[in-house]
PDB file of N, CA and C in Angstrom:
ATOM      1  N   MET A   1     157.692  40.441  97.398  1.00  0.00           N
ATOM      2  CA  MET A   1     156.370  40.280  96.828  1.00  0.00           C
ATOM      3  C   MET A   1     156.527  39.794  95.392  1.00  0.00           C
ATOM      4  N   SER A   2     155.754  38.800  95.028  1.00  0.00           N
ATOM      5  CA  SER A   2     155.829  38.228  93.687  1.00  0.00           C
ATOM      6  C   SER A   2     154.908  38.984  92.730  1.00  0.00           C
ATOM      7  N   LYS A   3     154.985  38.618  91.473  1.00  0.00           N
ATOM      8  CA  LYS A   3     154.161  39.231  90.441  1.00  0.00           C
ATOM      9  C   LYS A   3     152.680  38.964  90.736  1.00  0.00           C
ATOM     10  N   PRO A   4     151.823  39.985  90.613  1.00  0.00           N
ATOM     11  CA  PRO A   4     150.403  39.770  90.920  1.00  0.00           C
ATOM     12  C   PRO A   4     149.724  38.887  89.885  1.00  0.00           C
ATOM     13  N   ILE A   5     148.661  38.245  90.310  1.00  0.00           N
ATOM     14  CA  ILE A   5     147.810  37.497  89.397  1.00  0.00           C
ATOM     15  C   ILE A   5     146.759  38.477  88.881  1.00  0.00           C
ATOM     16  N   VAL A   6     146.614  38.547  87.568  1.00  0.00           N
ATOM     17  CA  VAL A   6     145.676  39.468  86.929  1.00  0.00           C
ATOM     18  C   VAL A   6     144.504  38.668  86.387  1.00  0.00           C
ATOM     19  N   MET A   7     143.282  39.146  86.665  1.00  0.00           N
ATOM     20  CA  MET A   7     142.097  38.451  86.170  1.00  0.00           C
ATOM     21  C   MET A   7     140.973  39.437  85.897  1.00  0.00           C
ATOM     22  N   THR A   8     139.980  38.967  85.164  1.00  0.00           N
ATOM     23  CA  THR A   8     138.811  39.793  84.894  1.00  0.00           C
ATOM     24  C   THR A   8     137.972  39.902  86.159  1.00  0.00           C
ATOM     25  N   THR A   9     137.100  40.900  86.171  1.00  0.00           N
ATOM     26  CA  THR A   9     136.228  41.061  87.329  1.00  0.00           C
ATOM     27  C   THR A   9     135.263  39.884  87.458  1.00  0.00           C
ATOM     28  N   SER A  10     134.832  39.304  86.345  1.00  0.00           N
ATOM     29  CA  SER A  10     133.918  38.151  86.430  1.00  0.00           C
ATOM     30  C   SER A  10     134.643  36.910  86.962  1.00  0.00           C
ATOM     31  N   ALA A  11     135.901  36.711  86.549  1.00  0.00           N
ATOM     32  CA  ALA A  11     136.670  35.576  87.072  1.00  0.00           C
ATOM     33  C   ALA A  11     136.879  35.738  88.573  1.00  0.00           C
ATOM     34  N   TRP A  12     137.183  36.963  89.011  1.00  0.00           N
ATOM     35  CA  TRP A  12     137.358  37.209  90.444  1.00  0.00           C
ATOM     36  C   TRP A  12     136.045  36.964  91.188  1.00  0.00           C
ATOM     37  N   GLY A  13     134.925  37.363  90.612  1.00  0.00           N
ATOM     38  CA  GLY A  13     133.630  37.125  91.248  1.00  0.00           C
ATOM     39  C   GLY A  13     133.381  35.644  91.482  1.00  0.00           C
ATOM     40  N   ASN A  14     133.733  34.818  90.505  1.00  0.00           N
ATOM     41  CA  ASN A  14     133.578  33.361  90.657  1.00  0.00           C
ATOM     42  C   ASN A  14     134.480  32.815  91.752  1.00  0.00           C
ATOM     43  N   ILE A  15     135.712  33.269  91.783  1.00  0.00           N
ATOM     44  CA  ILE A  15     136.657  32.800  92.811  1.00  0.00           C
ATOM     45  C   ILE A  15     136.227  33.284  94.187  1.00  0.00           C
ATOM     46  N   LEU A  16     135.777  34.534  94.266  1.00  0.00           N
ATOM     47  CA  LEU A  16     135.335  35.069  95.559  1.00  0.00           C
ATOM     48  C   LEU A  16     134.158  34.270  96.108  1.00  0.00           C
ATOM     49  N   GLU A  17     133.246  33.854  95.252  1.00  0.00           N
ATOM     50  CA  GLU A  17     132.127  33.022  95.704  1.00  0.00           C
ATOM     51  C   GLU A  17     132.626  31.705  96.288  1.00  0.00           C
ATOM     52  N   ARG A  18     133.638  31.125  95.675  1.00  0.00           N
ATOM     53  CA  ARG A  18     134.215  29.881  96.202  1.00  0.00           C
ATOM     54  C   ARG A  18     134.920  30.135  97.529  1.00  0.00           C
ATOM     55  N   ILE A  19     135.613  31.274  97.646  1.00  0.00           N
ATOM     56  CA  ILE A  19     136.275  31.625  98.905  1.00  0.00           C
ATOM     57  C   ILE A  19     135.225  31.804  99.999  1.00  0.00           C
ATOM     58  N   LYS A  20     134.115  32.452  99.675  1.00  0.00           N
ATOM     59  CA  LYS A  20     133.052  32.685 100.658  1.00  0.00           C
ATOM     60  C   LYS A  20     132.475  31.382 101.200  1.00  0.00           C
ATOM     61  N   LYS A  21     132.475  30.336 100.386  1.00  0.00           N
ATOM     62  CA  LYS A  21     131.967  29.043 100.841  1.00  0.00           C
ATOM     63  C   LYS A  21     132.935  28.350 101.793  1.00  0.00           C
ATOM     64  N   ASN A  22     134.246  28.654 101.669  1.00  0.00           N
ATOM     65  CA  ASN A  22     135.264  27.949 102.444  1.00  0.00           C
ATOM     66  C   ASN A  22     135.821  28.724 103.635  1.00  0.00           C
ATOM     67  N   GLU A  23     135.606  30.032 103.670  1.00  0.00           N
ATOM     68  CA  GLU A  23     136.223  30.856 104.706  1.00  0.00           C
ATOM     69  C   GLU A  23     135.174  31.632 105.489  1.00  0.00           C
ATOM     70  N   ASN A  24     135.555  32.056 106.693  1.00  0.00           N
ATOM     71  CA  ASN A  24     134.710  32.925 107.493  1.00  0.00           C
ATOM     72  C   ASN A  24     134.642  34.304 106.845  1.00  0.00           C
ATOM     73  N   PRO A  25     133.534  35.030 107.034  1.00  0.00           N
ATOM     74  CA  PRO A  25     133.421  36.367 106.439  1.00  0.00           C
ATOM     75  C   PRO A  25     134.561  37.307 106.811  1.00  0.00           C
ATOM     76  N   SER A  26     135.100  37.165 108.012  1.00  0.00           N
ATOM     77  CA  SER A  26     136.183  38.062 108.428  1.00  0.00           C
ATOM     78  C   SER A  26     137.407  37.925 107.524  1.00  0.00           C
ATOM     79  N   VAL A  27     137.592  36.772 106.885  1.00  0.00           N
ATOM     80  CA  VAL A  27     138.759  36.547 106.032  1.00  0.00           C
ATOM     81  C   VAL A  27     138.653  37.364 104.749  1.00  0.00           C
ATOM     82  N   TYR A  28     137.502  37.359 104.107  1.00  0.00           N
ATOM     83  CA  TYR A  28     137.395  38.071 102.830  1.00  0.00           C
ATOM     84  C   TYR A  28     136.880  39.507 102.972  1.00  0.00           C
ATOM     85  N   LEU A  29     136.483  39.900 104.172  1.00  0.00           N
ATOM     86  CA  LEU A  29     136.047  41.283 104.386  1.00  0.00           C
ATOM     87  C   LEU A  29     137.150  42.172 104.955  1.00  0.00           C
ATOM     88  N   SER A  30     138.186  41.599 105.497  1.00  0.00           N
ATOM     89  CA  SER A  30     139.288  42.357 106.088  1.00  0.00           C
ATOM     90  C   SER A  30     140.570  42.128 105.286  1.00  0.00           C
ATOM     91  N   ARG A  31     141.153  43.215 104.776  1.00  0.00           N
ATOM     92  CA  ARG A  31     142.397  43.092 104.003  1.00  0.00           C
ATOM     93  C   ARG A  31     143.512  42.482 104.843  1.00  0.00           C
ATOM     94  N   THR A  32     143.595  42.872 106.095  1.00  0.00           N
ATOM     95  CA  THR A  32     144.650  42.363 106.977  1.00  0.00           C
ATOM     96  C   THR A  32     144.501  40.862 107.190  1.00  0.00           C
ATOM     97  N   LYS A  33     143.281  40.431 107.460  1.00  0.00           N
ATOM     98  CA  LYS A  33     143.038  38.996 107.685  1.00  0.00           C
ATOM     99  C   LYS A  33     143.201  38.208 106.388  1.00  0.00           C
ATOM    100  N   MET A  34     142.778  38.786 105.255  1.00  0.00           N
ATOM    101  CA  MET A  34     142.940  38.128 103.965  1.00  0.00           C
ATOM    102  C   MET A  34     144.425  37.912 103.675  1.00  0.00           C
ATOM    103  N   LYS A  35     145.214  38.923 103.953  1.00  0.00           N
ATOM    104  CA  LYS A  35     146.666  38.822 103.725  1.00  0.00           C
ATOM    105  C   LYS A  35     147.268  37.738 104.621  1.00  0.00           C
ATOM    106  N   HIS A  36     146.829  37.680 105.866  1.00  0.00           N
ATOM    107  CA  HIS A  36     147.370  36.702 106.819  1.00  0.00           C
ATOM    108  C   HIS A  36     146.919  35.275 106.496  1.00  0.00           C
ATOM    109  N   VAL A  37     145.641  35.087 106.206  1.00  0.00           N
ATOM    110  CA  VAL A  37     145.087  33.738 106.012  1.00  0.00           C
ATOM    111  C   VAL A  37     145.315  33.231 104.590  1.00  0.00           C
ATOM    112  N   LEU A  38     144.991  34.062 103.587  1.00  0.00           N
ATOM    113  CA  LEU A  38     145.065  33.622 102.194  1.00  0.00           C
ATOM    114  C   LEU A  38     146.377  33.999 101.517  1.00  0.00           C
ATOM    115  N   GLY A  39     147.108  34.966 102.096  1.00  0.00           N
ATOM    116  CA  GLY A  39     148.412  35.335 101.557  1.00  0.00           C
ATOM    117  C   GLY A  39     148.383  36.421 100.501  1.00  0.00           C
ATOM    118  N   PHE A  40     147.214  37.048 100.264  1.00  0.00           N
ATOM    119  CA  PHE A  40     147.141  38.095  99.248  1.00  0.00           C
ATOM    120  C   PHE A  40     146.137  39.171  99.631  1.00  0.00           C
ATOM    121  N   THR A  41     146.239  40.301  98.947  1.00  0.00           N
ATOM    122  CA  THR A  41     145.233  41.349  99.020  1.00  0.00           C
ATOM    123  C   THR A  41     144.712  41.592  97.607  1.00  0.00           C
ATOM    124  N   VAL A  42     143.527  42.159  97.515  1.00  0.00           N
ATOM    125  CA  VAL A  42     142.864  42.396  96.240  1.00  0.00           C
ATOM    126  C   VAL A  42     142.984  43.869  95.875  1.00  0.00           C
ATOM    127  N   ARG A  43     143.278  44.119  94.605  1.00  0.00           N
ATOM    128  CA  ARG A  43     143.415  45.490  94.116  1.00  0.00           C
ATOM    129  C   ARG A  43     142.685  45.613  92.791  1.00  0.00           C
ATOM    130  N   GLU A  44     141.829  46.646  92.669  1.00  0.00           N
ATOM    131  CA  GLU A  44     141.177  46.938  91.394  1.00  0.00           C
ATOM    132  C   GLU A  44     142.123  47.789  90.570  1.00  0.00           C
ATOM    133  N   HIS A  45     142.205  47.495  89.281  1.00  0.00           N
ATOM    134  CA  HIS A  45     143.144  48.200  88.405  1.00  0.00           C
ATOM    135  C   HIS A  45     142.408  48.639  87.143  1.00  0.00           C
ATOM    136  N   THR A  46     142.642  49.875  86.725  1.00  0.00           N
ATOM    137  CA  THR A  46     142.038  50.413  85.511  1.00  0.00           C
ATOM    138  C   THR A  46     143.136  50.841  84.557  1.00  0.00           C
ATOM    139  N   GLU A  47     143.028  50.391  83.317  1.00  0.00           N
ATOM    140  CA  GLU A  47     143.972  50.800  82.273  1.00  0.00           C
ATOM    141  C   GLU A  47     143.207  51.526  81.184  1.00  0.00           C
ATOM    142  N   TYR A  48     143.843  52.497  80.597  1.00  0.00           N
ATOM    143  CA  TYR A  48     143.281  53.189  79.448  1.00  0.00           C
ATOM    144  C   TYR A  48     143.920  52.574  78.226  1.00  0.00           C
ATOM    145  N   GLN A  49     143.134  51.880  77.416  1.00  0.00           N
ATOM    146  CA  GLN A  49     143.673  51.111  76.302  1.00  0.00           C
ATOM    147  C   GLN A  49     143.263  51.755  74.973  1.00  0.00           C
ATOM    148  N   TYR A  50     144.255  51.980  74.130  1.00  0.00           N
ATOM    149  CA  TYR A  50     143.999  52.551  72.806  1.00  0.00           C
ATOM    150  C   TYR A  50     143.801  51.436  71.792  1.00  0.00           C
ATOM    151  N   HIS A  51     142.877  51.658  70.873  1.00  0.00           N
ATOM    152  CA  HIS A  51     142.586  50.696  69.812  1.00  0.00           C
ATOM    153  C   HIS A  51     142.870  51.371  68.474  1.00  0.00           C
ATOM    154  N   VAL A  52     143.827  50.872  67.770  1.00  0.00           N
ATOM    155  CA  VAL A  52     144.196  51.433  66.477  1.00  0.00           C
ATOM    156  C   VAL A  52     143.374  50.735  65.400  1.00  0.00           C
ATOM    157  N   SER A  53     142.702  51.525  64.616  1.00  0.00           N
ATOM    158  CA  SER A  53     141.861  50.981  63.560  1.00  0.00           C
ATOM    159  C   SER A  53     142.568  51.128  62.217  1.00  0.00           C
ATOM    160  N   THR A  54     142.546  50.090  61.429  1.00  0.00           N
ATOM    161  CA  THR A  54     143.173  50.148  60.107  1.00  0.00           C
ATOM    162  C   THR A  54     142.213  50.715  59.066  1.00  0.00           C
ATOM    163  N   HIS A  55     140.913  50.768  59.399  1.00  0.00           N
ATOM    164  CA  HIS A  55     139.914  51.230  58.438  1.00  0.00           C
ATOM    165  C   HIS A  55     139.542  52.700  58.622  1.00  0.00           C
ATOM    166  N   ASN A  56     139.761  53.231  59.794  1.00  0.00           N
ATOM    167  CA  ASN A  56     139.404  54.625  60.063  1.00  0.00           C
ATOM    168  C   ASN A  56     140.658  55.463  60.231  1.00  0.00           C
ATOM    169  N   SER A  57     140.497  56.743  60.061  1.00  0.00           N
ATOM    170  CA  SER A  57     141.648  57.639  60.224  1.00  0.00           C
ATOM    171  C   SER A  57     141.858  58.038  61.675  1.00  0.00           C
ATOM    172  N   PHE A  58     140.949  57.651  62.582  1.00  0.00           N
ATOM    173  CA  PHE A  58     141.116  57.992  63.996  1.00  0.00           C
ATOM    174  C   PHE A  58     141.079  56.732  64.850  1.00  0.00           C
ATOM    175  N   ASP A  59     141.632  56.840  66.034  1.00  0.00           N
ATOM    176  CA  ASP A  59     141.701  55.714  66.961  1.00  0.00           C
ATOM    177  C   ASP A  59     140.616  55.845  68.022  1.00  0.00           C
ATOM    178  N   THR A  60     140.321  54.748  68.672  1.00  0.00           N
ATOM    179  CA  THR A  60     139.387  54.752  69.788  1.00  0.00           C
ATOM    180  C   THR A  60     140.126  54.319  71.048  1.00  0.00           C
ATOM    181  N   ALA A  61     139.529  54.611  72.168  1.00  0.00           N
ATOM    182  CA  ALA A  61     140.141  54.225  73.443  1.00  0.00           C
ATOM    183  C   ALA A  61     139.048  53.771  74.402  1.00  0.00           C
ATOM    184  N   SER A  62     139.428  52.958  75.364  1.00  0.00           N
ATOM    185  CA  SER A  62     138.472  52.485  76.358  1.00  0.00           C
ATOM    186  C   SER A  62     139.195  52.182  77.662  1.00  0.00           C
ATOM    187  N   HIS A  63     138.417  52.111  78.724  1.00  0.00           N
ATOM    188  CA  HIS A  63     138.942  51.703  80.022  1.00  0.00           C
ATOM    189  C   HIS A  63     138.820  50.186  80.141  1.00  0.00           C
ATOM    190  N   VAL A  64     139.852  49.557  80.650  1.00  0.00           N
ATOM    191  CA  VAL A  64     139.832  48.119  80.898  1.00  0.00           C
ATOM    192  C   VAL A  64     139.999  47.917  82.400  1.00  0.00           C
ATOM    193  N   PHE A  65     139.032  47.265  83.010  1.00  0.00           N
ATOM    194  CA  PHE A  65     139.056  47.023  84.450  1.00  0.00           C
ATOM    195  C   PHE A  65     139.516  45.591  84.713  1.00  0.00           C
ATOM    196  N   THR A  66     140.495  45.430  85.598  1.00  0.00           N
ATOM    197  CA  THR A  66     140.962  44.100  86.001  1.00  0.00           C
ATOM    198  C   THR A  66     141.118  44.056  87.513  1.00  0.00           C
ATOM    199  N   ILE A  67     141.253  42.855  88.008  1.00  0.00           N
ATOM    200  CA  ILE A  67     141.520  42.612  89.430  1.00  0.00           C
ATOM    201  C   ILE A  67     142.939  42.086  89.532  1.00  0.00           C
ATOM    202  N   ARG A  68     143.692  42.613  90.495  1.00  0.00           N
ATOM    203  CA  ARG A  68     145.058  42.150  90.744  1.00  0.00           C
ATOM    204  C   ARG A  68     145.109  41.564  92.148  1.00  0.00           C
ATOM    205  N   LEU A  69     145.649  40.367  92.253  1.00  0.00           N
ATOM    206  CA  LEU A  69     145.870  39.739  93.547  1.00  0.00           C
ATOM    207  C   LEU A  69     147.352  39.857  93.856  1.00  0.00           C
ATOM    208  N   ASP A  70     147.668  40.639  94.880  1.00  0.00           N
ATOM    209  CA  ASP A  70     149.051  40.862  95.290  1.00  0.00           C
ATOM    210  C   ASP A  70     149.401  39.869  96.396  1.00  0.00           C
ATOM    211  N   PHE A  71     150.286  38.931  96.079  1.00  0.00           N
ATOM    212  CA  PHE A  71     150.665  37.879  97.032  1.00  0.00           C
ATOM    213  C   PHE A  71     151.886  38.280  97.838  1.00  0.00           C
ATOM    214  N   TYR A  72     151.890  37.882  99.119  1.00  0.00           N
ATOM    215  CA  TYR A  72     152.984  38.169 100.036  1.00  0.00           C
ATOM    216  C   TYR A  72     153.642  36.899 100.540  1.00  0.00           C
ATOM    217  N   ASP A  73     153.121  35.755 100.144  1.00  0.00           N
ATOM    218  CA  ASP A  73     153.628  34.464 100.592  1.00  0.00           C
ATOM    219  C   ASP A  73     153.617  33.526  99.385  1.00  0.00           C
ATOM    220  N   GLU A  74     154.786  33.104  98.947  1.00  0.00           N
ATOM    221  CA  GLU A  74     154.895  32.288  97.736  1.00  0.00           C
ATOM    222  C   GLU A  74     154.199  30.934  97.880  1.00  0.00           C
ATOM    223  N   GLN A  75     154.242  30.347  99.067  1.00  0.00           N
ATOM    224  CA  GLN A  75     153.564  29.064  99.277  1.00  0.00           C
ATOM    225  C   GLN A  75     152.048  29.216  99.169  1.00  0.00           C
ATOM    226  N   LYS A  76     151.513  30.308  99.701  1.00  0.00           N
ATOM    227  CA  LYS A  76     150.073  30.541  99.611  1.00  0.00           C
ATOM    228  C   LYS A  76     149.669  30.890  98.182  1.00  0.00           C
ATOM    229  N   ARG A  77     150.570  31.518  97.432  1.00  0.00           N
ATOM    230  CA  ARG A  77     150.313  31.791  96.009  1.00  0.00           C
ATOM    231  C   ARG A  77     150.194  30.470  95.247  1.00  0.00           C
ATOM    232  N   THR A  78     151.100  29.545  95.525  1.00  0.00           N
ATOM    233  CA  THR A  78     151.066  28.236  94.883  1.00  0.00           C
ATOM    234  C   THR A  78     149.785  27.493  95.242  1.00  0.00           C
ATOM    235  N   MET A  79     149.396  27.536  96.505  1.00  0.00           N
ATOM    236  CA  MET A  79     148.164  26.867  96.932  1.00  0.00           C
ATOM    237  C   MET A  79     146.945  27.489  96.260  1.00  0.00           C
ATOM    238  N   PHE A  80     146.936  28.822  96.127  1.00  0.00           N
ATOM    239  CA  PHE A  80     145.835  29.499  95.444  1.00  0.00           C
ATOM    240  C   PHE A  80     145.733  29.004  94.001  1.00  0.00           C
ATOM    241  N   LEU A  81     146.870  28.935  93.308  1.00  0.00           N
ATOM    242  CA  LEU A  81     146.869  28.494  91.913  1.00  0.00           C
ATOM    243  C   LEU A  81     146.406  27.051  91.778  1.00  0.00           C
ATOM    244  N   LEU A  82     146.793  26.205  92.708  1.00  0.00           N
ATOM    245  CA  LEU A  82     146.350  24.810  92.677  1.00  0.00           C
ATOM    246  C   LEU A  82     144.846  24.700  92.939  1.00  0.00           C
ATOM    247  N   LYS A  83     144.350  25.510  93.845  1.00  0.00           N
ATOM    248  CA  LYS A  83     142.939  25.426  94.249  1.00  0.00           C
ATOM    249  C   LYS A  83     141.997  26.124  93.279  1.00  0.00           C
ATOM    250  N   TYR A  84     142.395  27.310  92.790  1.00  0.00           N
ATOM    251  CA  TYR A  84     141.476  28.135  91.993  1.00  0.00           C
ATOM    252  C   TYR A  84     141.934  28.341  90.545  1.00  0.00           C
ATOM    253  N   GLY A  85     143.096  27.859  90.170  1.00  0.00           N
ATOM    254  CA  GLY A  85     143.606  28.105  88.822  1.00  0.00           C
ATOM    255  C   GLY A  85     144.264  29.464  88.754  1.00  0.00           C
ATOM    256  N   ASN A  86     144.569  29.905  87.551  1.00  0.00           N
ATOM    257  CA  ASN A  86     145.297  31.165  87.404  1.00  0.00           C
ATOM    258  C   ASN A  86     144.391  32.367  87.195  1.00  0.00           C
ATOM    259  N   GLY A  87     143.077  32.194  87.302  1.00  0.00           N
ATOM    260  CA  GLY A  87     142.163  33.313  87.197  1.00  0.00           C
ATOM    261  C   GLY A  87     141.865  33.768  85.782  1.00  0.00           C
ATOM    262  N   GLN A  88     142.272  33.007  84.800  1.00  0.00           N
ATOM    263  CA  GLN A  88     142.060  33.401  83.413  1.00  0.00           C
ATOM    264  C   GLN A  88     140.725  32.934  82.855  1.00  0.00           C
ATOM    265  N   ASN A  89     139.787  32.617  83.724  1.00  0.00           N
ATOM    266  CA  ASN A  89     138.471  32.123  83.290  1.00  0.00           C
ATOM    267  C   ASN A  89     137.604  33.251  82.802  1.00  0.00           C
TER     268      ASN A  89
END
């Protein structure tokens, strides 16, 4: 398995809309079929991120939500990148 593609939830929403136009619903609604047809599965990821402030004596923290696409086929990963970009939109 290769390194996952990381993107914002809004970037994934845009890509998913494009996938919905090109694929049958069974492809994007079933993880097994998505893995077989598109070569990846979708994973939601949450990180707890600390923010160090130079002006205050205390730090703040927040949750950062991202989408991870875990690829199982390198050729399909390449095709995804050619078709949809790297998801950094």
